[in-house]
PDB file of all heavy atoms in Angstrom:
ATOM      1  N   LYS A   1       0.887  10.177  -3.678  1.00  0.00           N
ATOM      2  CA  LYS A   1       1.822  10.649  -4.720  1.00  0.00           C
ATOM      3  C   LYS A   1       0.887  11.260  -5.872  1.00  0.00           C
ATOM      4  O   LYS A   1      -0.291  10.929  -5.979  1.00  0.00           O
ATOM      5  CB  LYS A   1       2.618   9.499  -5.357  1.00  0.00           C
ATOM      6  CG  LYS A   1       3.659   8.909  -4.399  1.00  0.00           C
ATOM      7  CD  LYS A   1       4.417   7.771  -5.180  1.00  0.00           C
ATOM      8  CE  LYS A   1       5.504   7.287  -4.266  1.00  0.00           C
ATOM      9  NZ  LYS A   1       6.287   6.149  -4.998  1.00  0.00           N
ATOM     10  N   TYR A   2       1.525  12.102  -6.744  1.00  0.00           N
ATOM     11  CA  TYR A   2       0.871  12.612  -7.858  1.00  0.00           C
ATOM     12  C   TYR A   2       0.959  11.658  -8.973  1.00  0.00           C
ATOM     13  O   TYR A   2       2.050  11.031  -9.206  1.00  0.00           O
ATOM     14  CB  TYR A   2       1.423  13.958  -8.225  1.00  0.00           C
ATOM     15  CG  TYR A   2       0.913  15.082  -7.285  1.00  0.00           C
ATOM     16  CD1 TYR A   2       1.735  15.531  -6.263  1.00  0.00           C
ATOM     17  CD2 TYR A   2      -0.360  15.669  -7.473  1.00  0.00           C
ATOM     18  CE1 TYR A   2       1.297  16.526  -5.334  1.00  0.00           C
ATOM     19  CE2 TYR A   2      -0.813  16.601  -6.582  1.00  0.00           C
ATOM     20  CZ  TYR A   2       0.103  17.092  -5.572  1.00  0.00           C
ATOM     21  OH  TYR A   2      -0.342  18.014  -4.675  1.00  0.00           O
ATOM     22  N   TYR A   3      -0.102  11.611  -9.853  1.00  0.00           N
ATOM     23  CA  TYR A   3      -0.035  10.732 -10.951  1.00  0.00           C
ATOM     24  C   TYR A   3       0.935  11.211 -12.065  1.00  0.00           C
ATOM     25  O   TYR A   3       1.217  12.446 -12.138  1.00  0.00           O
ATOM     26  CB  TYR A   3      -1.481  10.627 -11.618  1.00  0.00           C
ATOM     27  CG  TYR A   3      -2.513   9.889 -10.781  1.00  0.00           C
ATOM     28  CD1 TYR A   3      -3.529  10.573 -10.257  1.00  0.00           C
ATOM     29  CD2 TYR A   3      -2.380   8.542 -10.511  1.00  0.00           C
ATOM     30  CE1 TYR A   3      -4.553   9.951  -9.446  1.00  0.00           C
ATOM     31  CE2 TYR A   3      -3.338   7.875  -9.744  1.00  0.00           C
ATOM     32  CZ  TYR A   3      -4.404   8.594  -9.254  1.00  0.00           C
ATOM     33  OH  TYR A   3      -5.337   7.927  -8.481  1.00  0.00           O
ATOM     34  N   GLY A   4       1.437  10.283 -12.836  1.00  0.00           N
ATOM     35  CA  GLY A   4       2.294  10.668 -13.940  1.00  0.00           C
ATOM     36  C   GLY A   4       1.556  11.227 -15.120  1.00  0.00           C
ATOM     37  O   GLY A   4       1.907  12.157 -15.797  1.00  0.00           O
ATOM     38  N   MET A   5       0.363  10.673 -15.462  1.00  0.00           N
ATOM     39  CA  MET A   5      -0.445  11.060 -16.545  1.00  0.00           C
ATOM     40  C   MET A   5      -1.907  11.008 -16.297  1.00  0.00           C
ATOM     41  O   MET A   5      -2.312  10.113 -15.533  1.00  0.00           O
ATOM     42  CB  MET A   5      -0.177  10.029 -17.729  1.00  0.00           C
ATOM     43  CG  MET A   5       1.303  10.104 -18.304  1.00  0.00           C
ATOM     44  SD  MET A   5       1.541   8.903 -19.601  1.00  0.00           S
ATOM     45  CE  MET A   5       1.506   7.320 -18.726  1.00  0.00           C
ATOM     46  N   LEU A   6      -2.645  11.996 -16.825  1.00  0.00           N
ATOM     47  CA  LEU A   6      -4.060  12.049 -16.687  1.00  0.00           C
ATOM     48  C   LEU A   6      -4.647  12.227 -18.059  1.00  0.00           C
ATOM     49  O   LEU A   6      -4.194  12.786 -19.009  1.00  0.00           O
ATOM     50  CB  LEU A   6      -4.480  13.360 -15.844  1.00  0.00           C
ATOM     51  CG  LEU A   6      -3.996  13.401 -14.443  1.00  0.00           C
ATOM     52  CD1 LEU A   6      -4.482  14.767 -13.906  1.00  0.00           C
ATOM     53  CD2 LEU A   6      -4.614  12.278 -13.634  1.00  0.00           C
ATOM     54  N   ASN A   7      -5.843  11.513 -18.203  1.00  0.00           N
ATOM     55  CA  ASN A   7      -6.682  11.774 -19.459  1.00  0.00           C
ATOM     56  C   ASN A   7      -7.369  13.080 -19.425  1.00  0.00           C
ATOM     57  O   ASN A   7      -8.060  13.323 -18.428  1.00  0.00           O
ATOM     58  CB  ASN A   7      -7.637  10.589 -19.620  1.00  0.00           C
ATOM     59  CG  ASN A   7      -8.436  10.713 -20.906  1.00  0.00           C
ATOM     60  OD1 ASN A   7      -9.400  11.556 -20.984  1.00  0.00           O
ATOM     61  ND2 ASN A   7      -8.137   9.884 -21.894  1.00  0.00           N
ATOM     62  N   ILE A   8      -7.162  13.908 -20.424  1.00  0.00           N
ATOM     63  CA  ILE A   8      -7.797  15.270 -20.326  1.00  0.00           C
ATOM     64  C   ILE A   8      -9.233  15.278 -20.390  1.00  0.00           C
ATOM     65  O   ILE A   8      -9.856  16.186 -19.877  1.00  0.00           O
ATOM     66  CB  ILE A   8      -7.088  16.196 -21.439  1.00  0.00           C
ATOM     67  CG1 ILE A   8      -7.543  15.712 -22.815  1.00  0.00           C
ATOM     68  CG2 ILE A   8      -5.626  16.295 -21.275  1.00  0.00           C
ATOM     69  CD1 ILE A   8      -7.266  16.794 -23.898  1.00  0.00           C
ATOM     70  N   GLY A   9      -9.858  14.310 -20.991  1.00  0.00           N
ATOM     71  CA  GLY A   9     -11.335  14.246 -21.115  1.00  0.00           C
ATOM     72  C   GLY A   9     -12.004  13.861 -19.853  1.00  0.00           C
ATOM     73  O   GLY A   9     -13.131  14.231 -19.656  1.00  0.00           O
ATOM     74  N   SER A  10     -11.338  12.945 -19.087  1.00  0.00           N
ATOM     75  CA  SER A  10     -12.067  12.385 -17.941  1.00  0.00           C
ATOM     76  C   SER A  10     -11.393  12.709 -16.600  1.00  0.00           C
ATOM     77  O   SER A  10     -12.040  12.696 -15.501  1.00  0.00           O
ATOM     78  CB  SER A  10     -12.074  10.840 -18.050  1.00  0.00           C
ATOM     79  OG  SER A  10     -10.774  10.368 -17.905  1.00  0.00           O
ATOM     80  N   GLY A  11     -10.058  13.152 -16.698  1.00  0.00           N
ATOM     81  CA  GLY A  11      -9.356  13.407 -15.488  1.00  0.00           C
ATOM     82  C   GLY A  11      -8.863  12.194 -14.778  1.00  0.00           C
ATOM     83  O   GLY A  11      -8.146  12.195 -13.705  1.00  0.00           O
ATOM     84  N   GLN A  12      -9.110  11.010 -15.374  1.00  0.00           N
ATOM     85  CA  GLN A  12      -8.724   9.723 -14.797  1.00  0.00           C
ATOM     86  C   GLN A  12      -7.259   9.519 -15.060  1.00  0.00           C
ATOM     87  O   GLN A  12      -6.680   9.852 -16.132  1.00  0.00           O
ATOM     88  CB  GLN A  12      -9.505   8.585 -15.358  1.00  0.00           C
ATOM     89  CG  GLN A  12     -11.009   8.636 -14.937  1.00  0.00           C
ATOM     90  CD  GLN A  12     -11.166   8.511 -13.374  1.00  0.00           C
ATOM     91  OE1 GLN A  12     -10.734   7.634 -12.817  1.00  0.00           O
ATOM     92  NE2 GLN A  12     -11.891   9.559 -12.800  1.00  0.00           N
ATOM     93  N   PRO A  13      -6.510   8.801 -14.136  1.00  0.00           N
ATOM     94  CA  PRO A  13      -5.157   8.521 -14.362  1.00  0.00           C
ATOM     95  C   PRO A  13      -4.927   7.508 -15.468  1.00  0.00           C
ATOM     96  O   PRO A  13      -5.869   6.650 -15.741  1.00  0.00           O
ATOM     97  CB  PRO A  13      -4.729   7.881 -13.000  1.00  0.00           C
ATOM     98  CG  PRO A  13      -5.959   7.355 -12.401  1.00  0.00           C
ATOM     99  CD  PRO A  13      -6.985   8.309 -12.832  1.00  0.00           C
ATOM    100  N   ILE A  14      -3.871   7.663 -16.242  1.00  0.00           N
ATOM    101  CA  ILE A  14      -3.492   6.742 -17.205  1.00  0.00           C
ATOM    102  C   ILE A  14      -2.355   5.898 -16.760  1.00  0.00           C
ATOM    103  O   ILE A  14      -1.348   6.417 -16.343  1.00  0.00           O
ATOM    104  CB  ILE A  14      -3.038   7.525 -18.534  1.00  0.00           C
ATOM    105  CG1 ILE A  14      -4.296   8.335 -19.040  1.00  0.00           C
ATOM    106  CG2 ILE A  14      -2.597   6.495 -19.574  1.00  0.00           C
ATOM    107  CD1 ILE A  14      -3.828   9.207 -20.244  1.00  0.00           C
ATOM    108  N   PHE A  15      -2.508   4.557 -16.707  1.00  0.00           N
ATOM    109  CA  PHE A  15      -1.487   3.616 -16.278  1.00  0.00           C
ATOM    110  C   PHE A  15      -0.847   2.956 -17.441  1.00  0.00           C
ATOM    111  O   PHE A  15      -1.557   2.551 -18.371  1.00  0.00           O
ATOM    112  CB  PHE A  15      -2.059   2.657 -15.259  1.00  0.00           C
ATOM    113  CG  PHE A  15      -2.583   3.272 -13.985  1.00  0.00           C
ATOM    114  CD1 PHE A  15      -3.894   3.150 -13.635  1.00  0.00           C
ATOM    115  CD2 PHE A  15      -1.677   4.005 -13.172  1.00  0.00           C
ATOM    116  CE1 PHE A  15      -4.431   3.794 -12.472  1.00  0.00           C
ATOM    117  CE2 PHE A  15      -2.200   4.549 -12.002  1.00  0.00           C
ATOM    118  CZ  PHE A  15      -3.508   4.457 -11.640  1.00  0.00           C
ATOM    119  N   ARG A  16       0.490   2.811 -17.380  1.00  0.00           N
ATOM    120  CA  ARG A  16       1.163   2.190 -18.531  1.00  0.00           C
ATOM    121  C   ARG A  16       0.907   0.689 -18.501  1.00  0.00           C
ATOM    122  O   ARG A  16       0.930   0.009 -17.442  1.00  0.00           O
ATOM    123  CB  ARG A  16       2.687   2.570 -18.404  1.00  0.00           C
ATOM    124  CG  ARG A  16       2.985   4.058 -18.493  1.00  0.00           C
ATOM    125  CD  ARG A  16       4.436   4.286 -18.484  1.00  0.00           C
ATOM    126  NE  ARG A  16       5.072   3.843 -19.694  1.00  0.00           N
ATOM    127  CZ  ARG A  16       6.214   4.336 -20.168  1.00  0.00           C
ATOM    128  NH1 ARG A  16       6.812   5.413 -19.563  1.00  0.00           N
ATOM    129  NH2 ARG A  16       6.780   3.840 -21.168  1.00  0.00           N
ATOM    130  N   GLU A  17       0.824   0.163 -19.780  1.00  0.00           N
ATOM    131  CA  GLU A  17       0.734  -1.261 -19.883  1.00  0.00           C
ATOM    132  C   GLU A  17       2.042  -1.911 -19.660  1.00  0.00           C
ATOM    133  O   GLU A  17       3.152  -1.142 -19.872  1.00  0.00           O
ATOM    134  CB  GLU A  17       0.254  -1.550 -21.361  1.00  0.00           C
ATOM    135  CG  GLU A  17      -1.121  -1.061 -21.670  1.00  0.00           C
ATOM    136  CD  GLU A  17      -2.224  -1.792 -20.951  1.00  0.00           C
ATOM    137  OE1 GLU A  17      -2.054  -2.948 -20.487  1.00  0.00           O
ATOM    138  OE2 GLU A  17      -3.389  -1.186 -20.842  1.00  0.00           O
ATOM    139  N   ALA A  18       2.112  -3.155 -19.256  1.00  0.00           N
ATOM    140  CA  ALA A  18       3.452  -3.781 -18.943  1.00  0.00           C
ATOM    141  C   ALA A  18       4.219  -3.822 -20.251  1.00  0.00           C
ATOM    142  O   ALA A  18       5.468  -3.886 -20.234  1.00  0.00           O
ATOM    143  CB  ALA A  18       3.113  -5.166 -18.466  1.00  0.00           C
ATOM    144  N   SER A  19       3.629  -3.858 -21.435  1.00  0.00           N
ATOM    145  CA  SER A  19       4.251  -3.962 -22.702  1.00  0.00           C
ATOM    146  C   SER A  19       4.737  -2.632 -23.206  1.00  0.00           C
ATOM    147  O   SER A  19       5.437  -2.538 -24.250  1.00  0.00           O
ATOM    148  CB  SER A  19       3.386  -4.654 -23.713  1.00  0.00           C
ATOM    149  OG  SER A  19       2.194  -3.884 -23.964  1.00  0.00           O
ATOM    150  N   ASP A  20       4.311  -1.540 -22.589  1.00  0.00           N
ATOM    151  CA  ASP A  20       4.682  -0.118 -23.034  1.00  0.00           C
ATOM    152  C   ASP A  20       6.083   0.179 -22.596  1.00  0.00           C
ATOM    153  O   ASP A  20       6.295   0.565 -21.472  1.00  0.00           O
ATOM    154  CB  ASP A  20       3.712   0.813 -22.425  1.00  0.00           C
ATOM    155  CG  ASP A  20       3.843   2.236 -22.960  1.00  0.00           C
ATOM    156  OD1 ASP A  20       4.787   2.459 -23.784  1.00  0.00           O
ATOM    157  OD2 ASP A  20       3.087   3.146 -22.568  1.00  0.00           O
ATOM    158  N   ASP A  21       6.986   0.121 -23.519  1.00  0.00           N
ATOM    159  CA  ASP A  21       8.381   0.454 -23.283  1.00  0.00           C
ATOM    160  C   ASP A  21       8.837   1.807 -23.904  1.00  0.00           C
ATOM    161  O   ASP A  21       9.995   2.056 -23.971  1.00  0.00           O
ATOM    162  CB  ASP A  21       9.350  -0.616 -23.675  1.00  0.00           C
ATOM    163  CG  ASP A  21       9.244  -0.873 -25.220  1.00  0.00           C
ATOM    164  OD1 ASP A  21       8.387  -0.290 -25.912  1.00  0.00           O
ATOM    165  OD2 ASP A  21      10.032  -1.729 -25.777  1.00  0.00           O
ATOM    166  N   TYR A  22       7.841   2.658 -24.264  1.00  0.00           N
ATOM    167  CA  TYR A  22       8.209   3.909 -24.835  1.00  0.00           C
ATOM    168  C   TYR A  22       8.804   4.730 -23.791  1.00  0.00           C
ATOM    169  O   TYR A  22       8.191   5.040 -22.717  1.00  0.00           O
ATOM    170  CB  TYR A  22       6.934   4.609 -25.379  1.00  0.00           C
ATOM    171  CG  TYR A  22       7.184   5.961 -26.073  1.00  0.00           C
ATOM    172  CD1 TYR A  22       7.776   5.977 -27.275  1.00  0.00           C
ATOM    173  CD2 TYR A  22       6.775   7.145 -25.478  1.00  0.00           C
ATOM    174  CE1 TYR A  22       8.028   7.189 -27.967  1.00  0.00           C
ATOM    175  CE2 TYR A  22       6.981   8.377 -26.008  1.00  0.00           C
ATOM    176  CZ  TYR A  22       7.621   8.415 -27.255  1.00  0.00           C
ATOM    177  OH  TYR A  22       7.890   9.589 -27.907  1.00  0.00           O
ATOM    178  N   PRO A  23      10.050   5.275 -23.961  1.00  0.00           N
ATOM    179  CA  PRO A  23      10.735   5.877 -22.910  1.00  0.00           C
ATOM    180  C   PRO A  23      10.345   7.294 -22.554  1.00  0.00           C
ATOM    181  O   PRO A  23      10.653   7.795 -21.421  1.00  0.00           O
ATOM    182  CB  PRO A  23      12.273   5.851 -23.385  1.00  0.00           C
ATOM    183  CG  PRO A  23      12.151   5.884 -24.880  1.00  0.00           C
ATOM    184  CD  PRO A  23      10.949   5.141 -25.181  1.00  0.00           C
ATOM    185  N   TYR A  24       9.784   8.078 -23.501  1.00  0.00           N
ATOM    186  CA  TYR A  24       9.661   9.462 -23.361  1.00  0.00           C
ATOM    187  C   TYR A  24       8.258   9.876 -22.781  1.00  0.00           C
ATOM    188  O   TYR A  24       7.642  10.803 -23.367  1.00  0.00           O
ATOM    189  CB  TYR A  24       9.903  10.135 -24.729  1.00  0.00           C
ATOM    190  CG  TYR A  24      11.217   9.887 -25.234  1.00  0.00           C
ATOM    191  CD1 TYR A  24      11.471   9.204 -26.516  1.00  0.00           C
ATOM    192  CD2 TYR A  24      12.458  10.118 -24.553  1.00  0.00           C
ATOM    193  CE1 TYR A  24      12.705   8.943 -27.025  1.00  0.00           C
ATOM    194  CE2 TYR A  24      13.697   9.772 -24.993  1.00  0.00           C
ATOM    195  CZ  TYR A  24      13.823   9.198 -26.239  1.00  0.00           C
ATOM    196  OH  TYR A  24      15.061   8.839 -26.769  1.00  0.00           O
ATOM    197  N   LYS A  25       7.845   9.260 -21.790  1.00  0.00           N
ATOM    198  CA  LYS A  25       6.639   9.661 -21.002  1.00  0.00           C
ATOM    199  C   LYS A  25       6.715   9.216 -19.576  1.00  0.00           C
ATOM    200  O   LYS A  25       7.513   8.256 -19.387  1.00  0.00           O
ATOM    201  CB  LYS A  25       5.355   9.178 -21.763  1.00  0.00           C
ATOM    202  CG  LYS A  25       5.235   7.723 -21.847  1.00  0.00           C
ATOM    203  CD  LYS A  25       3.884   7.298 -22.524  1.00  0.00           C
ATOM    204  CE  LYS A  25       3.662   5.844 -22.756  1.00  0.00           C
ATOM    205  NZ  LYS A  25       2.416   5.542 -23.489  1.00  0.00           N
ATOM    206  N   PRO A  26       5.987   9.812 -18.723  1.00  0.00           N
ATOM    207  CA  PRO A  26       6.100   9.403 -17.295  1.00  0.00           C
ATOM    208  C   PRO A  26       5.631   8.024 -17.013  1.00  0.00           C
ATOM    209  O   PRO A  26       4.952   7.390 -17.780  1.00  0.00           O
ATOM    210  CB  PRO A  26       5.264  10.454 -16.534  1.00  0.00           C
ATOM    211  CG  PRO A  26       4.961  11.473 -17.614  1.00  0.00           C
ATOM    212  CD  PRO A  26       5.025  10.875 -18.953  1.00  0.00           C
ATOM    213  N   GLY A  27       5.971   7.568 -15.778  1.00  0.00           N
ATOM    214  CA  GLY A  27       5.467   6.379 -15.301  1.00  0.00           C
ATOM    215  C   GLY A  27       4.088   6.604 -14.660  1.00  0.00           C
ATOM    216  O   GLY A  27       3.459   7.713 -14.845  1.00  0.00           O
ATOM    217  N   ASN A  28       3.604   5.658 -13.852  1.00  0.00           N
ATOM    218  CA  ASN A  28       2.223   5.726 -13.291  1.00  0.00           C
ATOM    219  C   ASN A  28       2.157   6.915 -12.292  1.00  0.00           C
ATOM    220  O   ASN A  28       1.052   7.489 -12.157  1.00  0.00           O
ATOM    221  CB  ASN A  28       1.804   4.382 -12.608  1.00  0.00           C
ATOM    222  CG  ASN A  28       1.648   3.312 -13.659  1.00  0.00           C
ATOM    223  OD1 ASN A  28       1.502   3.644 -14.866  1.00  0.00           O
ATOM    224  ND2 ASN A  28       1.725   2.051 -13.201  1.00  0.00           N
ATOM    225  N   HIS A  29       3.175   7.177 -11.632  1.00  0.00           N
ATOM    226  CA  HIS A  29       3.221   8.361 -10.699  1.00  0.00           C
ATOM    227  C   HIS A  29       4.476   9.159 -11.084  1.00  0.00           C
ATOM    228  O   HIS A  29       5.513   8.651 -11.463  1.00  0.00           O
ATOM    229  CB  HIS A  29       3.263   7.884  -9.257  1.00  0.00           C
ATOM    230  CG  HIS A  29       2.083   7.124  -8.815  1.00  0.00           C
ATOM    231  ND1 HIS A  29       1.880   5.845  -8.971  1.00  0.00           N
ATOM    232  CD2 HIS A  29       0.867   7.662  -8.292  1.00  0.00           C
ATOM    233  CE1 HIS A  29       0.656   5.485  -8.506  1.00  0.00           C
ATOM    234  NE2 HIS A  29       0.047   6.522  -8.103  1.00  0.00           N
ATOM    235  N   THR A  30       4.330  10.482 -10.820  1.00  0.00           N
ATOM    236  CA  THR A  30       5.446  11.320 -11.162  1.00  0.00           C
ATOM    237  C   THR A  30       6.608  11.051 -10.212  1.00  0.00           C
ATOM    238  O   THR A  30       6.458  10.789  -9.080  1.00  0.00           O
ATOM    239  CB  THR A  30       5.041  12.837 -11.012  1.00  0.00           C
ATOM    240  OG1 THR A  30       6.034  13.612 -11.514  1.00  0.00           O
ATOM    241  CG2 THR A  30       4.744  13.223  -9.570  1.00  0.00           C
ATOM    242  N   ASP A  31       7.806  11.173 -10.861  1.00  0.00           N
ATOM    243  CA  ASP A  31       9.066  10.809 -10.161  1.00  0.00           C
ATOM    244  C   ASP A  31       9.991  11.971 -10.029  1.00  0.00           C
ATOM    245  O   ASP A  31      10.467  12.530 -11.056  1.00  0.00           O
ATOM    246  CB  ASP A  31       9.784   9.681 -10.911  1.00  0.00           C
ATOM    247  CG  ASP A  31      11.026   9.109 -10.220  1.00  0.00           C
ATOM    248  OD1 ASP A  31      11.357   9.698  -9.198  1.00  0.00           O
ATOM    249  OD2 ASP A  31      11.693   8.212 -10.765  1.00  0.00           O
ATOM    250  N   ILE A  32      10.206  12.425  -8.782  1.00  0.00           N
ATOM    251  CA  ILE A  32      11.109  13.543  -8.534  1.00  0.00           C
ATOM    252  C   ILE A  32      12.448  13.373  -9.088  1.00  0.00           C
ATOM    253  O   ILE A  32      13.122  14.317  -9.528  1.00  0.00           O
ATOM    254  CB  ILE A  32      10.985  14.000  -6.981  1.00  0.00           C
ATOM    255  CG1 ILE A  32       9.633  14.328  -6.548  1.00  0.00           C
ATOM    256  CG2 ILE A  32      12.095  14.933  -6.626  1.00  0.00           C
ATOM    257  CD1 ILE A  32       9.457  14.418  -5.087  1.00  0.00           C
ATOM    258  N   TRP A  33      12.880  12.205  -9.024  1.00  0.00           N
ATOM    259  CA  TRP A  33      14.252  11.843  -9.417  1.00  0.00           C
ATOM    260  C   TRP A  33      14.396  11.216 -10.789  1.00  0.00           C
ATOM    261  O   TRP A  33      15.505  10.716 -11.107  1.00  0.00           O
ATOM    262  CB  TRP A  33      14.931  10.880  -8.328  1.00  0.00           C
ATOM    263  CG  TRP A  33      14.685  11.450  -6.903  1.00  0.00           C
ATOM    264  CD1 TRP A  33      13.914  10.864  -5.979  1.00  0.00           C
ATOM    265  CD2 TRP A  33      15.240  12.587  -6.383  1.00  0.00           C
ATOM    266  NE1 TRP A  33      13.933  11.568  -4.814  1.00  0.00           N
ATOM    267  CE2 TRP A  33      14.777  12.665  -5.019  1.00  0.00           C
ATOM    268  CE3 TRP A  33      16.150  13.548  -6.763  1.00  0.00           C
ATOM    269  CZ2 TRP A  33      15.098  13.679  -4.159  1.00  0.00           C
ATOM    270  CZ3 TRP A  33      16.430  14.586  -5.924  1.00  0.00           C
ATOM    271  CH2 TRP A  33      15.979  14.625  -4.584  1.00  0.00           C
ATOM    272  N   GLU A  34      13.405  11.331 -11.611  1.00  0.00           N
ATOM    273  CA  GLU A  34      13.467  10.736 -12.999  1.00  0.00           C
ATOM    274  C   GLU A  34      14.716  11.303 -13.733  1.00  0.00           C
ATOM    275  O   GLU A  34      14.799  12.540 -13.891  1.00  0.00           O
ATOM    276  CB  GLU A  34      12.141  11.080 -13.652  1.00  0.00           C
ATOM    277  CG  GLU A  34      12.259  10.866 -15.217  1.00  0.00           C
ATOM    278  CD  GLU A  34      12.511   9.411 -15.605  1.00  0.00           C
ATOM    279  OE1 GLU A  34      11.812   8.524 -15.056  1.00  0.00           O
ATOM    280  OE2 GLU A  34      13.389   9.161 -16.407  1.00  0.00           O
ATOM    281  N   PRO A  35      15.538  10.458 -14.223  1.00  0.00           N
ATOM    282  CA  PRO A  35      16.774  10.955 -14.930  1.00  0.00           C
ATOM    283  C   PRO A  35      16.517  11.459 -16.299  1.00  0.00           C
ATOM    284  O   PRO A  35      17.092  12.495 -16.689  1.00  0.00           O
ATOM    285  CB  PRO A  35      17.667   9.753 -14.898  1.00  0.00           C
ATOM    286  CG  PRO A  35      17.149   8.793 -14.028  1.00  0.00           C
ATOM    287  CD  PRO A  35      15.631   8.985 -13.944  1.00  0.00           C
ATOM    288  N   LEU A  36      15.668  10.807 -17.037  1.00  0.00           N
ATOM    289  CA  LEU A  36      15.668  11.103 -18.572  1.00  0.00           C
ATOM    290  C   LEU A  36      14.805  12.327 -18.920  1.00  0.00           C
ATOM    291  O   LEU A  36      13.784  12.548 -18.411  1.00  0.00           O
ATOM    292  CB  LEU A  36      15.100   9.857 -19.240  1.00  0.00           C
ATOM    293  CG  LEU A  36      15.070   9.863 -20.789  1.00  0.00           C
ATOM    294  CD1 LEU A  36      16.489   9.902 -21.337  1.00  0.00           C
ATOM    295  CD2 LEU A  36      14.315   8.681 -21.298  1.00  0.00           C
TER     296      LEU A  36
END
């Protein structure tokens, strides 16, 4: 799968913390069926 977010300085994937409930950004991997 493709990652949801990458760090522009390193190219490394950014994974969401369990406590991160901010709705307006992708999950760990991009979701073709993401509703929001």
